[in-house]
Amino acid sequence: MTRSQADESQTGAPRRKYAPRMAPEQRCEQLLDAAFQITGRVGLHNLSMEAVAAEAGVGKPVLYTVFDTRTDLVAALLRREHERAIAQVLETMPTDLSELGPAASYAGTVGAFVDAVLENPTRWRLILTSVENAPSEYHDLLKLSRGAVFARAEELARAGIALEPKLEGLDPVLLAHTMMSFAEMLGRLAVSDPETYTRERLSSFAVALAQSVGR
């Protein structure tokens, strides 16, 4: 008879099952993955420490050794998904507009962005929709990284204006703001109502709009 079986026979109750040991980094990722899954099902506002512990298959004491409060858990989740989202955005942005031209390059970028949003709607719902109860430092991070994306967009806007005579005279800063706002709007539509605003509908609209500007 094992020790656990002996304990069970003596007390009449099954011995508590403890979560397998993990390195701190692995445990953190496990708990964030659990929080992410719950957020996808019920939304961030309904995320609870109890639900995360149950989803991860650990006791609440294990959860609290990693995150002291729900606020800490939410902040870590938002930070992780934000970093991954920004990496996705930067990957979709071209470095050279000369081969396809400004209009086709922008349309392709928007299409790739919409694909990224639809492939991971939970992540992008966190990024693109307002998170009223998010920690203030998250908003600071969002502003900072959005500035990095905007800087790349402005570079592309200037390159597009230089390549396309019909864009001559446009303000590159305002053009960059317009391009980003348009892409973000399509992303919000995609995560809020994917059945109505399908990938095909959003991408074809982006192509048509880009082509109309270049005519």
N, C-alpha and C. Protein backbone atom coordinates (compact mmCIF):
# COMPACT_ATOMS: atom_id res chain seq x y z
N MET A 1 0.85 -1.20 0.00
CA MET A 1 0.00 0.00 0.00
C MET A 1 0.89 1.25 0.00
N THR A 2 0.56 2.18 -0.90
CA THR A 2 1.33 3.40 -0.96
C THR A 2 0.95 4.32 0.19
N ARG A 3 1.78 5.36 0.39
CA ARG A 3 1.51 6.31 1.48
C ARG A 3 0.19 7.02 1.27
N SER A 4 -0.07 7.41 0.00
CA SER A 4 -1.32 8.11 -0.27
C SER A 4 -2.51 7.21 -0.02
N GLN A 5 -2.37 5.91 -0.35
CA GLN A 5 -3.46 4.98 -0.10
C GLN A 5 -3.66 4.78 1.39
N ALA A 6 -2.53 4.75 2.14
CA ALA A 6 -2.64 4.61 3.58
C ALA A 6 -3.33 5.81 4.20
N ASP A 7 -2.95 7.01 3.72
CA ASP A 7 -3.59 8.22 4.22
C ASP A 7 -5.07 8.19 3.94
N GLU A 8 -5.43 7.73 2.75
CA GLU A 8 -6.84 7.69 2.37
C GLU A 8 -7.60 6.71 3.24
N SER A 9 -6.97 5.55 3.52
CA SER A 9 -7.67 4.55 4.32
C SER A 9 -7.84 5.01 5.76
N GLN A 10 -6.90 5.81 6.25
CA GLN A 10 -6.97 6.27 7.62
C GLN A 10 -7.99 7.40 7.80
N THR A 11 -8.08 8.27 6.82
CA THR A 11 -8.96 9.43 6.96
C THR A 11 -10.32 9.22 6.34
N GLY A 12 -10.41 8.24 5.43
CA GLY A 12 -11.68 8.02 4.76
C GLY A 12 -11.95 8.98 3.63
N ALA A 13 -10.99 9.85 3.31
CA ALA A 13 -11.17 10.83 2.24
C ALA A 13 -9.96 10.76 1.32
N PRO A 14 -10.17 10.96 0.02
CA PRO A 14 -9.04 10.93 -0.91
C PRO A 14 -8.07 12.06 -0.63
N ARG A 15 -6.82 11.77 -0.79
CA ARG A 15 -5.79 12.78 -0.57
C ARG A 15 -5.82 13.80 -1.69
N ARG A 16 -5.60 15.06 -1.32
CA ARG A 16 -5.61 16.13 -2.33
C ARG A 16 -4.54 15.89 -3.38
N LYS A 17 -4.91 16.09 -4.64
CA LYS A 17 -3.95 15.97 -5.74
C LYS A 17 -3.25 17.31 -5.92
N TYR A 18 -1.95 17.27 -5.89
CA TYR A 18 -1.17 18.49 -6.04
C TYR A 18 -0.73 18.66 -7.49
N ALA A 19 -0.63 19.92 -7.91
CA ALA A 19 -0.21 20.21 -9.27
C ALA A 19 1.25 19.81 -9.44
N PRO A 20 1.60 19.25 -10.59
CA PRO A 20 2.99 18.89 -10.84
C PRO A 20 3.90 20.11 -10.71
N ARG A 21 5.10 19.90 -10.25
CA ARG A 21 6.04 21.00 -10.12
C ARG A 21 6.45 21.52 -11.50
N MET A 22 6.59 22.84 -11.57
CA MET A 22 7.03 23.48 -12.81
C MET A 22 7.99 24.61 -12.46
N ALA A 23 8.83 24.94 -13.43
CA ALA A 23 9.66 26.13 -13.27
C ALA A 23 8.75 27.35 -13.23
N PRO A 24 9.13 28.42 -12.53
CA PRO A 24 8.27 29.60 -12.42
C PRO A 24 7.80 30.14 -13.76
N GLU A 25 8.71 30.16 -14.75
CA GLU A 25 8.33 30.68 -16.06
C GLU A 25 7.27 29.80 -16.72
N GLN A 26 7.41 28.49 -16.58
CA GLN A 26 6.43 27.57 -17.16
C GLN A 26 5.08 27.70 -16.47
N ARG A 27 5.12 27.83 -15.14
CA ARG A 27 3.87 27.97 -14.40
C ARG A 27 3.16 29.26 -14.81
N CYS A 28 3.92 30.32 -14.96
CA CYS A 28 3.33 31.59 -15.36
C CYS A 28 2.64 31.46 -16.72
N GLU A 29 3.32 30.83 -17.68
CA GLU A 29 2.73 30.65 -19.00
C GLU A 29 1.50 29.76 -18.94
N GLN A 30 1.55 28.72 -18.11
CA GLN A 30 0.39 27.83 -17.97
C GLN A 30 -0.82 28.61 -17.46
N LEU A 31 -0.61 29.45 -16.47
CA LEU A 31 -1.72 30.21 -15.89
C LEU A 31 -2.23 31.28 -16.86
N LEU A 32 -1.32 31.90 -17.59
CA LEU A 32 -1.75 32.89 -18.59
C LEU A 32 -2.51 32.23 -19.73
N ASP A 33 -2.07 31.04 -20.12
CA ASP A 33 -2.81 30.30 -21.15
C ASP A 33 -4.23 29.99 -20.67
N ALA A 34 -4.35 29.60 -19.40
CA ALA A 34 -5.67 29.31 -18.84
C ALA A 34 -6.52 30.57 -18.81
N ALA A 35 -5.93 31.68 -18.40
CA ALA A 35 -6.66 32.95 -18.36
C ALA A 35 -7.10 33.36 -19.76
N PHE A 36 -6.23 33.11 -20.74
CA PHE A 36 -6.55 33.46 -22.12
C PHE A 36 -7.74 32.65 -22.63
N GLN A 37 -7.76 31.36 -22.33
CA GLN A 37 -8.87 30.51 -22.77
C GLN A 37 -10.19 30.97 -22.14
N ILE A 38 -10.16 31.29 -20.87
CA ILE A 38 -11.38 31.75 -20.20
C ILE A 38 -11.84 33.08 -20.78
N THR A 39 -10.89 33.98 -21.03
CA THR A 39 -11.24 35.27 -21.60
C THR A 39 -11.92 35.10 -22.95
N GLY A 40 -11.45 34.15 -23.73
CA GLY A 40 -12.07 33.90 -25.03
C GLY A 40 -13.51 33.43 -24.90
N ARG A 41 -13.82 32.74 -23.81
CA ARG A 41 -15.18 32.20 -23.63
C ARG A 41 -16.13 33.20 -22.97
N VAL A 42 -15.65 33.92 -21.97
CA VAL A 42 -16.57 34.75 -21.18
C VAL A 42 -16.20 36.23 -21.15
N GLY A 43 -15.06 36.60 -21.72
CA GLY A 43 -14.65 37.99 -21.71
C GLY A 43 -13.77 38.31 -20.52
N LEU A 44 -12.98 39.37 -20.66
CA LEU A 44 -12.02 39.74 -19.62
C LEU A 44 -12.70 40.15 -18.32
N HIS A 45 -13.83 40.82 -18.42
CA HIS A 45 -14.49 41.33 -17.22
C HIS A 45 -15.00 40.20 -16.33
N ASN A 46 -15.22 39.01 -16.89
CA ASN A 46 -15.72 37.88 -16.12
C ASN A 46 -14.61 36.91 -15.71
N LEU A 47 -13.39 37.31 -15.94
CA LEU A 47 -12.26 36.46 -15.57
C LEU A 47 -12.08 36.48 -14.04
N SER A 48 -11.99 35.31 -13.44
CA SER A 48 -11.81 35.22 -11.99
C SER A 48 -10.62 34.33 -11.66
N MET A 49 -10.05 34.55 -10.50
CA MET A 49 -8.92 33.73 -10.06
C MET A 49 -9.35 32.28 -9.89
N GLU A 50 -10.55 32.06 -9.37
CA GLU A 50 -11.04 30.69 -9.19
C GLU A 50 -11.13 29.95 -10.52
N ALA A 51 -11.66 30.65 -11.54
CA ALA A 51 -11.81 30.02 -12.85
C ALA A 51 -10.46 29.69 -13.47
N VAL A 52 -9.49 30.58 -13.29
CA VAL A 52 -8.16 30.35 -13.85
C VAL A 52 -7.50 29.14 -13.19
N ALA A 53 -7.61 29.06 -11.88
CA ALA A 53 -7.04 27.92 -11.17
C ALA A 53 -7.67 26.61 -11.63
N ALA A 54 -8.99 26.62 -11.77
CA ALA A 54 -9.69 25.41 -12.22
C ALA A 54 -9.30 25.04 -13.64
N GLU A 55 -9.21 26.04 -14.52
CA GLU A 55 -8.84 25.79 -15.92
C GLU A 55 -7.44 25.19 -16.01
N ALA A 56 -6.54 25.69 -15.17
CA ALA A 56 -5.16 25.21 -15.20
C ALA A 56 -4.97 23.90 -14.43
N GLY A 57 -5.99 23.51 -13.67
CA GLY A 57 -5.88 22.28 -12.90
C GLY A 57 -4.98 22.40 -11.69
N VAL A 58 -4.95 23.59 -11.09
CA VAL A 58 -4.12 23.81 -9.90
C VAL A 58 -5.00 24.39 -8.79
N GLY A 59 -4.50 24.34 -7.58
CA GLY A 59 -5.20 24.98 -6.48
C GLY A 59 -4.95 26.47 -6.48
N LYS A 60 -5.83 27.21 -5.84
CA LYS A 60 -5.66 28.66 -5.79
C LYS A 60 -4.35 29.07 -5.12
N PRO A 61 -3.87 28.34 -4.11
CA PRO A 61 -2.57 28.73 -3.54
C PRO A 61 -1.44 28.76 -4.57
N VAL A 62 -1.49 27.82 -5.52
CA VAL A 62 -0.47 27.81 -6.58
C VAL A 62 -0.60 29.07 -7.43
N LEU A 63 -1.83 29.42 -7.77
CA LEU A 63 -2.06 30.62 -8.58
C LEU A 63 -1.55 31.86 -7.86
N TYR A 64 -1.81 31.94 -6.56
CA TYR A 64 -1.43 33.14 -5.81
C TYR A 64 0.07 33.22 -5.55
N THR A 65 0.80 32.14 -5.74
CA THR A 65 2.25 32.24 -5.64
C THR A 65 2.85 32.93 -6.86
N VAL A 66 2.09 32.97 -7.95
CA VAL A 66 2.56 33.61 -9.18
C VAL A 66 1.98 35.01 -9.34
N PHE A 67 0.69 35.14 -9.08
CA PHE A 67 0.01 36.43 -9.21
C PHE A 67 -0.68 36.76 -7.88
N ASP A 68 -0.27 37.85 -7.28
CA ASP A 68 -0.82 38.22 -5.98
C ASP A 68 -2.29 38.58 -6.05
N THR A 69 -2.69 39.22 -7.15
CA THR A 69 -4.07 39.69 -7.29
C THR A 69 -4.56 39.46 -8.71
N ARG A 70 -5.86 39.60 -8.88
CA ARG A 70 -6.44 39.51 -10.22
C ARG A 70 -5.87 40.61 -11.11
N THR A 71 -5.64 41.78 -10.54
CA THR A 71 -5.07 42.89 -11.31
C THR A 71 -3.72 42.52 -11.89
N ASP A 72 -2.90 41.86 -11.09
CA ASP A 72 -1.58 41.42 -11.58
C ASP A 72 -1.73 40.40 -12.71
N LEU A 73 -2.68 39.49 -12.56
CA LEU A 73 -2.92 38.48 -13.59
C LEU A 73 -3.37 39.14 -14.89
N VAL A 74 -4.33 40.06 -14.80
CA VAL A 74 -4.83 40.74 -15.99
C VAL A 74 -3.72 41.54 -16.66
N ALA A 75 -2.92 42.23 -15.86
CA ALA A 75 -1.83 43.04 -16.42
C ALA A 75 -0.84 42.17 -17.18
N ALA A 76 -0.51 41.01 -16.61
CA ALA A 76 0.44 40.11 -17.28
C ALA A 76 -0.16 39.54 -18.56
N LEU A 77 -1.44 39.20 -18.53
CA LEU A 77 -2.10 38.67 -19.72
C LEU A 77 -2.13 39.72 -20.83
N LEU A 78 -2.52 40.93 -20.49
CA LEU A 78 -2.59 42.00 -21.48
C LEU A 78 -1.21 42.30 -22.06
N ARG A 79 -0.21 42.32 -21.20
CA ARG A 79 1.15 42.61 -21.66
C ARG A 79 1.63 41.53 -22.63
N ARG A 80 1.40 40.26 -22.29
CA ARG A 80 1.85 39.18 -23.17
C ARG A 80 1.15 39.22 -24.51
N GLU A 81 -0.18 39.35 -24.51
CA GLU A 81 -0.92 39.34 -25.76
C GLU A 81 -0.63 40.58 -26.58
N HIS A 82 -0.39 41.69 -25.91
CA HIS A 82 -0.05 42.92 -26.62
C HIS A 82 1.29 42.78 -27.34
N GLU A 83 2.27 42.21 -26.66
CA GLU A 83 3.58 42.02 -27.30
C GLU A 83 3.47 41.11 -28.52
N ARG A 84 2.68 40.06 -28.40
CA ARG A 84 2.50 39.15 -29.53
C ARG A 84 1.75 39.82 -30.67
N ALA A 85 0.78 40.64 -30.33
CA ALA A 85 0.00 41.33 -31.35
C ALA A 85 0.85 42.32 -32.13
N ILE A 86 1.67 43.08 -31.41
CA ILE A 86 2.53 44.06 -32.08
C ILE A 86 3.52 43.36 -33.00
N ALA A 87 4.04 42.23 -32.57
CA ALA A 87 4.95 41.47 -33.43
C ALA A 87 4.25 41.03 -34.70
N GLN A 88 2.98 40.62 -34.59
CA GLN A 88 2.20 40.23 -35.77
C GLN A 88 2.02 41.42 -36.71
N VAL A 89 1.71 42.57 -36.15
CA VAL A 89 1.48 43.76 -36.98
C VAL A 89 2.74 44.11 -37.75
N LEU A 90 3.87 44.16 -37.07
CA LEU A 90 5.11 44.55 -37.72
C LEU A 90 5.50 43.56 -38.82
N GLU A 91 5.14 42.29 -38.64
CA GLU A 91 5.44 41.28 -39.67
C GLU A 91 4.62 41.51 -40.93
N THR A 92 3.41 42.08 -40.79
CA THR A 92 2.56 42.29 -41.97
C THR A 92 2.97 43.52 -42.76
N MET A 93 3.75 44.41 -42.16
CA MET A 93 4.07 45.68 -42.82
C MET A 93 5.25 45.49 -43.77
N PRO A 94 5.11 45.90 -45.02
CA PRO A 94 6.18 45.71 -46.01
C PRO A 94 7.37 46.63 -45.74
N THR A 95 8.49 46.27 -46.31
CA THR A 95 9.68 47.11 -46.20
C THR A 95 10.00 47.80 -47.53
N ASP A 96 9.40 47.31 -48.61
CA ASP A 96 9.67 47.86 -49.94
C ASP A 96 8.36 47.94 -50.72
N LEU A 97 8.02 49.15 -51.17
CA LEU A 97 6.77 49.35 -51.92
C LEU A 97 6.98 49.36 -53.42
N SER A 98 8.23 49.30 -53.86
CA SER A 98 8.51 49.51 -55.28
C SER A 98 8.02 48.37 -56.16
N GLU A 99 8.02 47.15 -55.65
CA GLU A 99 7.65 46.01 -56.50
C GLU A 99 6.15 45.98 -56.80
N LEU A 100 5.32 46.08 -55.77
CA LEU A 100 3.87 46.01 -55.96
C LEU A 100 3.22 47.37 -56.15
N GLY A 101 3.89 48.40 -55.68
CA GLY A 101 3.29 49.73 -55.71
C GLY A 101 2.58 50.02 -54.39
N PRO A 102 2.37 51.29 -54.07
CA PRO A 102 1.77 51.67 -52.79
C PRO A 102 0.38 51.08 -52.57
N ALA A 103 -0.50 51.15 -53.58
CA ALA A 103 -1.88 50.71 -53.40
C ALA A 103 -1.96 49.21 -53.12
N ALA A 104 -1.29 48.41 -53.95
CA ALA A 104 -1.33 46.96 -53.77
C ALA A 104 -0.64 46.54 -52.48
N SER A 105 0.44 47.23 -52.13
CA SER A 105 1.16 46.91 -50.90
C SER A 105 0.28 47.16 -49.68
N TYR A 106 -0.43 48.29 -49.69
CA TYR A 106 -1.29 48.61 -48.55
C TYR A 106 -2.46 47.64 -48.46
N ALA A 107 -3.07 47.34 -49.60
CA ALA A 107 -4.18 46.39 -49.60
C ALA A 107 -3.74 45.03 -49.08
N GLY A 108 -2.55 44.59 -49.51
CA GLY A 108 -2.04 43.31 -49.04
C GLY A 108 -1.73 43.33 -47.56
N THR A 109 -1.23 44.45 -47.07
CA THR A 109 -0.94 44.58 -45.64
C THR A 109 -2.21 44.51 -44.82
N VAL A 110 -3.24 45.21 -45.27
CA VAL A 110 -4.52 45.19 -44.55
C VAL A 110 -5.10 43.78 -44.56
N GLY A 111 -5.02 43.11 -45.70
CA GLY A 111 -5.52 41.74 -45.78
C GLY A 111 -4.79 40.81 -44.82
N ALA A 112 -3.47 40.96 -44.73
CA ALA A 112 -2.69 40.14 -43.80
C ALA A 112 -3.04 40.46 -42.36
N PHE A 113 -3.30 41.73 -42.09
CA PHE A 113 -3.69 42.13 -40.74
C PHE A 113 -5.04 41.53 -40.36
N VAL A 114 -6.00 41.59 -41.27
CA VAL A 114 -7.33 41.01 -41.01
C VAL A 114 -7.20 39.51 -40.78
N ASP A 115 -6.35 38.84 -41.55
CA ASP A 115 -6.12 37.41 -41.34
C ASP A 115 -5.61 37.14 -39.92
N ALA A 116 -4.65 37.96 -39.48
CA ALA A 116 -4.08 37.79 -38.15
C ALA A 116 -5.14 37.98 -37.07
N VAL A 117 -6.02 38.96 -37.29
CA VAL A 117 -7.09 39.23 -36.32
C VAL A 117 -8.05 38.05 -36.24
N LEU A 118 -8.45 37.53 -37.40
CA LEU A 118 -9.43 36.45 -37.43
C LEU A 118 -8.84 35.13 -36.94
N GLU A 119 -7.53 34.96 -37.08
CA GLU A 119 -6.88 33.75 -36.59
C GLU A 119 -6.82 33.71 -35.06
N ASN A 120 -6.82 34.88 -34.45
CA ASN A 120 -6.75 34.94 -32.99
C ASN A 120 -7.64 36.06 -32.48
N PRO A 121 -8.96 35.89 -32.59
CA PRO A 121 -9.89 36.97 -32.21
C PRO A 121 -9.82 37.35 -30.74
N THR A 122 -9.52 36.39 -29.87
CA THR A 122 -9.44 36.72 -28.44
C THR A 122 -8.33 37.73 -28.19
N ARG A 123 -7.17 37.48 -28.76
CA ARG A 123 -6.05 38.41 -28.59
C ARG A 123 -6.41 39.79 -29.11
N TRP A 124 -6.97 39.84 -30.30
CA TRP A 124 -7.21 41.14 -30.90
C TRP A 124 -8.41 41.85 -30.30
N ARG A 125 -9.30 41.09 -29.72
CA ARG A 125 -10.40 41.74 -28.98
C ARG A 125 -9.83 42.49 -27.78
N LEU A 126 -8.83 41.91 -27.16
CA LEU A 126 -8.16 42.58 -26.04
C LEU A 126 -7.44 43.84 -26.49
N ILE A 127 -6.87 43.80 -27.68
CA ILE A 127 -6.07 44.93 -28.16
C ILE A 127 -6.92 46.03 -28.76
N LEU A 128 -7.92 45.66 -29.55
CA LEU A 128 -8.66 46.64 -30.34
C LEU A 128 -9.89 47.21 -29.65
N THR A 129 -10.41 46.51 -28.67
CA THR A 129 -11.57 47.04 -27.95
C THR A 129 -11.10 47.64 -26.65
N SER A 130 -11.81 48.62 -26.18
CA SER A 130 -11.39 49.34 -24.98
C SER A 130 -11.42 48.43 -23.76
N VAL A 131 -10.38 48.51 -22.97
CA VAL A 131 -10.29 47.74 -21.73
C VAL A 131 -10.35 48.74 -20.58
N GLU A 132 -11.56 49.02 -20.14
CA GLU A 132 -11.76 50.10 -19.18
C GLU A 132 -11.04 49.85 -17.86
N ASN A 133 -11.00 48.60 -17.43
CA ASN A 133 -10.42 48.30 -16.13
C ASN A 133 -8.96 47.87 -16.21
N ALA A 134 -8.36 48.05 -17.38
CA ALA A 134 -6.96 47.66 -17.52
C ALA A 134 -6.07 48.58 -16.70
N PRO A 135 -4.97 48.06 -16.17
CA PRO A 135 -4.05 48.90 -15.40
C PRO A 135 -3.51 50.06 -16.24
N SER A 136 -3.21 51.16 -15.57
CA SER A 136 -2.75 52.35 -16.29
C SER A 136 -1.46 52.08 -17.04
N GLU A 137 -0.59 51.23 -16.48
CA GLU A 137 0.67 50.95 -17.16
C GLU A 137 0.45 50.23 -18.48
N TYR A 138 -0.65 49.48 -18.59
CA TYR A 138 -0.96 48.83 -19.86
C TYR A 138 -1.29 49.87 -20.92
N HIS A 139 -2.05 50.89 -20.54
CA HIS A 139 -2.38 51.94 -21.49
C HIS A 139 -1.11 52.68 -21.93
N ASP A 140 -0.18 52.85 -21.00
CA ASP A 140 1.09 53.48 -21.35
C ASP A 140 1.86 52.61 -22.34
N LEU A 141 1.86 51.29 -22.11
CA LEU A 141 2.53 50.37 -23.02
C LEU A 141 1.88 50.39 -24.39
N LEU A 142 0.55 50.42 -24.41
CA LEU A 142 -0.19 50.45 -25.67
C LEU A 142 0.16 51.70 -26.46
N LYS A 143 0.22 52.83 -25.77
CA LYS A 143 0.55 54.09 -26.44
C LYS A 143 1.98 54.05 -26.99
N LEU A 144 2.90 53.51 -26.21
CA LEU A 144 4.30 53.46 -26.63
C LEU A 144 4.49 52.58 -27.85
N SER A 145 3.93 51.39 -27.82
CA SER A 145 4.13 50.47 -28.94
C SER A 145 3.34 50.89 -30.17
N ARG A 146 2.19 51.53 -29.95
CA ARG A 146 1.44 52.05 -31.09
C ARG A 146 2.25 53.13 -31.78
N GLY A 147 3.03 53.85 -31.00
CA GLY A 147 3.91 54.85 -31.59
C GLY A 147 4.95 54.22 -32.49
N ALA A 148 5.44 53.04 -32.11
CA ALA A 148 6.42 52.34 -32.95
C ALA A 148 5.79 51.89 -34.26
N VAL A 149 4.56 51.39 -34.19
CA VAL A 149 3.86 50.99 -35.41
C VAL A 149 3.58 52.21 -36.28
N PHE A 150 3.19 53.32 -35.63
CA PHE A 150 2.91 54.53 -36.40
C PHE A 150 4.17 55.03 -37.11
N ALA A 151 5.31 54.95 -36.45
CA ALA A 151 6.55 55.39 -37.09
C ALA A 151 6.81 54.60 -38.36
N ARG A 152 6.56 53.29 -38.32
CA ARG A 152 6.72 52.47 -39.52
C ARG A 152 5.69 52.87 -40.58
N ALA A 153 4.45 53.12 -40.14
CA ALA A 153 3.41 53.53 -41.09
C ALA A 153 3.75 54.85 -41.75
N GLU A 154 4.34 55.76 -40.99
CA GLU A 154 4.72 57.05 -41.57
C GLU A 154 5.82 56.88 -42.61
N GLU A 155 6.78 56.00 -42.33
CA GLU A 155 7.83 55.72 -43.31
C GLU A 155 7.22 55.20 -44.61
N LEU A 156 6.26 54.29 -44.49
CA LEU A 156 5.61 53.73 -45.67
C LEU A 156 4.79 54.79 -46.39
N ALA A 157 4.16 55.67 -45.63
CA ALA A 157 3.38 56.75 -46.25
C ALA A 157 4.29 57.66 -47.07
N ARG A 158 5.43 58.00 -46.52
CA ARG A 158 6.37 58.86 -47.25
C ARG A 158 6.88 58.15 -48.51
N ALA A 159 7.17 56.86 -48.38
CA ALA A 159 7.64 56.11 -49.54
C ALA A 159 6.56 56.02 -50.60
N GLY A 160 5.32 55.82 -50.17
CA GLY A 160 4.21 55.74 -51.12
C GLY A 160 3.99 57.05 -51.85
N ILE A 161 4.08 58.15 -51.13
CA ILE A 161 3.91 59.46 -51.75
C ILE A 161 5.02 59.71 -52.78
N ALA A 162 6.23 59.26 -52.46
CA ALA A 162 7.34 59.45 -53.39
C ALA A 162 7.19 58.59 -54.64
N LEU A 163 6.55 57.43 -54.51
CA LEU A 163 6.40 56.51 -55.65
C LEU A 163 5.18 56.81 -56.50
N GLU A 164 4.13 57.29 -55.89
CA GLU A 164 2.86 57.48 -56.60
C GLU A 164 2.58 58.96 -56.82
N PRO A 165 2.68 59.43 -58.08
CA PRO A 165 2.45 60.85 -58.36
C PRO A 165 1.08 61.36 -57.90
N LYS A 166 0.08 60.49 -57.94
CA LYS A 166 -1.27 60.92 -57.56
C LYS A 166 -1.40 61.18 -56.06
N LEU A 167 -0.41 60.73 -55.29
CA LEU A 167 -0.42 61.00 -53.85
C LEU A 167 0.38 62.25 -53.50
N GLU A 168 0.97 62.86 -54.51
CA GLU A 168 1.81 64.03 -54.27
C GLU A 168 1.01 65.13 -53.58
N GLY A 169 1.61 65.72 -52.60
CA GLY A 169 0.96 66.81 -51.87
C GLY A 169 0.25 66.37 -50.61
N LEU A 170 0.06 65.05 -50.43
CA LEU A 170 -0.60 64.57 -49.22
C LEU A 170 0.33 64.69 -48.02
N ASP A 171 -0.24 64.97 -46.88
CA ASP A 171 0.52 65.05 -45.64
C ASP A 171 0.85 63.62 -45.19
N PRO A 172 2.12 63.23 -45.12
CA PRO A 172 2.47 61.85 -44.78
C PRO A 172 2.04 61.45 -43.37
N VAL A 173 2.06 62.39 -42.45
CA VAL A 173 1.65 62.08 -41.08
C VAL A 173 0.16 61.77 -41.03
N LEU A 174 -0.63 62.61 -41.67
CA LEU A 174 -2.07 62.38 -41.70
C LEU A 174 -2.41 61.11 -42.49
N LEU A 175 -1.65 60.85 -43.54
CA LEU A 175 -1.87 59.63 -44.31
C LEU A 175 -1.59 58.40 -43.46
N ALA A 176 -0.52 58.45 -42.67
CA ALA A 176 -0.20 57.33 -41.77
C ALA A 176 -1.30 57.12 -40.74
N HIS A 177 -1.80 58.21 -40.17
CA HIS A 177 -2.91 58.11 -39.22
C HIS A 177 -4.14 57.48 -39.89
N THR A 178 -4.41 57.90 -41.11
CA THR A 178 -5.57 57.38 -41.84
C THR A 178 -5.42 55.88 -42.10
N MET A 179 -4.24 55.46 -42.53
CA MET A 179 -4.00 54.05 -42.82
C MET A 179 -4.17 53.19 -41.57
N MET A 180 -3.61 53.67 -40.45
CA MET A 180 -3.72 52.90 -39.21
C MET A 180 -5.15 52.84 -38.70
N SER A 181 -5.83 53.98 -38.74
CA SER A 181 -7.21 54.02 -38.25
C SER A 181 -8.11 53.13 -39.09
N PHE A 182 -7.89 53.12 -40.39
CA PHE A 182 -8.69 52.28 -41.29
C PHE A 182 -8.48 50.80 -40.98
N ALA A 183 -7.22 50.40 -40.82
CA ALA A 183 -6.92 49.00 -40.52
C ALA A 183 -7.50 48.60 -39.17
N GLU A 184 -7.39 49.47 -38.18
CA GLU A 184 -7.94 49.17 -36.85
C GLU A 184 -9.46 49.04 -36.90
N MET A 185 -10.10 49.89 -37.70
CA MET A 185 -11.56 49.81 -37.83
C MET A 185 -11.97 48.46 -38.41
N LEU A 186 -11.28 48.02 -39.45
CA LEU A 186 -11.60 46.71 -40.03
C LEU A 186 -11.36 45.60 -39.02
N GLY A 187 -10.30 45.73 -38.24
CA GLY A 187 -10.03 44.72 -37.22
C GLY A 187 -11.12 44.66 -36.17
N ARG A 188 -11.62 45.80 -35.75
CA ARG A 188 -12.71 45.82 -34.76
C ARG A 188 -13.97 45.18 -35.33
N LEU A 189 -14.27 45.47 -36.58
CA LEU A 189 -15.44 44.86 -37.21
C LEU A 189 -15.27 43.34 -37.28
N ALA A 190 -14.06 42.90 -37.59
CA ALA A 190 -13.80 41.46 -37.73
C ALA A 190 -14.01 40.72 -36.41
N VAL A 191 -13.55 41.30 -35.30
CA VAL A 191 -13.68 40.59 -34.02
C VAL A 191 -15.06 40.76 -33.40
N SER A 192 -15.76 41.84 -33.77
CA SER A 192 -17.08 42.08 -33.16
C SER A 192 -18.18 41.30 -33.86
N ASP A 193 -18.05 41.11 -35.19
CA ASP A 193 -19.11 40.42 -35.93
C ASP A 193 -18.50 39.73 -37.15
N PRO A 194 -17.77 38.63 -36.93
CA PRO A 194 -17.06 37.96 -38.03
C PRO A 194 -17.97 37.35 -39.08
N GLU A 195 -19.21 37.04 -38.72
CA GLU A 195 -20.13 36.46 -39.71
C GLU A 195 -20.58 37.52 -40.71
N THR A 196 -20.78 38.73 -40.23
CA THR A 196 -21.19 39.82 -41.12
C THR A 196 -19.99 40.39 -41.87
N TYR A 197 -18.91 40.64 -41.13
CA TYR A 197 -17.72 41.25 -41.72
C TYR A 197 -16.67 40.16 -41.92
N THR A 198 -16.83 39.44 -42.99
CA THR A 198 -15.93 38.33 -43.29
C THR A 198 -14.59 38.83 -43.80
N ARG A 199 -13.64 37.91 -43.83
CA ARG A 199 -12.31 38.26 -44.33
C ARG A 199 -12.41 38.75 -45.78
N GLU A 200 -13.20 38.05 -46.59
CA GLU A 200 -13.33 38.41 -48.00
C GLU A 200 -13.94 39.80 -48.16
N ARG A 201 -14.96 40.09 -47.38
CA ARG A 201 -15.63 41.39 -47.49
C ARG A 201 -14.69 42.53 -47.09
N LEU A 202 -13.97 42.36 -45.99
CA LEU A 202 -13.09 43.42 -45.52
C LEU A 202 -11.89 43.60 -46.44
N SER A 203 -11.31 42.49 -46.89
CA SER A 203 -10.13 42.59 -47.75
C SER A 203 -10.47 43.17 -49.11
N SER A 204 -11.60 42.75 -49.68
CA SER A 204 -11.99 43.29 -50.99
C SER A 204 -12.28 44.78 -50.90
N PHE A 205 -12.84 45.21 -49.77
CA PHE A 205 -13.08 46.64 -49.60
C PHE A 205 -11.76 47.40 -49.51
N ALA A 206 -10.79 46.83 -48.80
CA ALA A 206 -9.48 47.47 -48.69
C ALA A 206 -8.82 47.59 -50.05
N VAL A 207 -8.93 46.54 -50.87
CA VAL A 207 -8.36 46.58 -52.22
C VAL A 207 -9.04 47.65 -53.06
N ALA A 208 -10.37 47.68 -53.02
CA ALA A 208 -11.12 48.65 -53.82
C ALA A 208 -10.79 50.07 -53.40
N LEU A 209 -10.69 50.31 -52.10
CA LEU A 209 -10.39 51.65 -51.62
C LEU A 209 -8.98 52.07 -52.01
N ALA A 210 -8.01 51.15 -51.86
CA ALA A 210 -6.64 51.47 -52.23
C ALA A 210 -6.51 51.75 -53.72
N GLN A 211 -7.21 50.98 -54.53
CA GLN A 211 -7.16 51.19 -55.97
C GLN A 211 -7.81 52.51 -56.37
N SER A 212 -8.88 52.88 -55.69
CA SER A 212 -9.56 54.14 -56.02
C SER A 212 -8.68 55.34 -55.71
N VAL A 213 -7.86 55.22 -54.66
CA VAL A 213 -6.96 56.32 -54.32
C VAL A 213 -5.86 56.46 -55.36
N GLY A 214 -5.43 55.31 -55.91
CA GLY A 214 -4.34 55.34 -56.88
C GLY A 214 -4.75 55.68 -58.29
N ARG A 215 -6.05 55.84 -58.53
CA ARG A 215 -6.50 56.12 -59.90
C ARG A 215 -6.27 57.57 -60.28
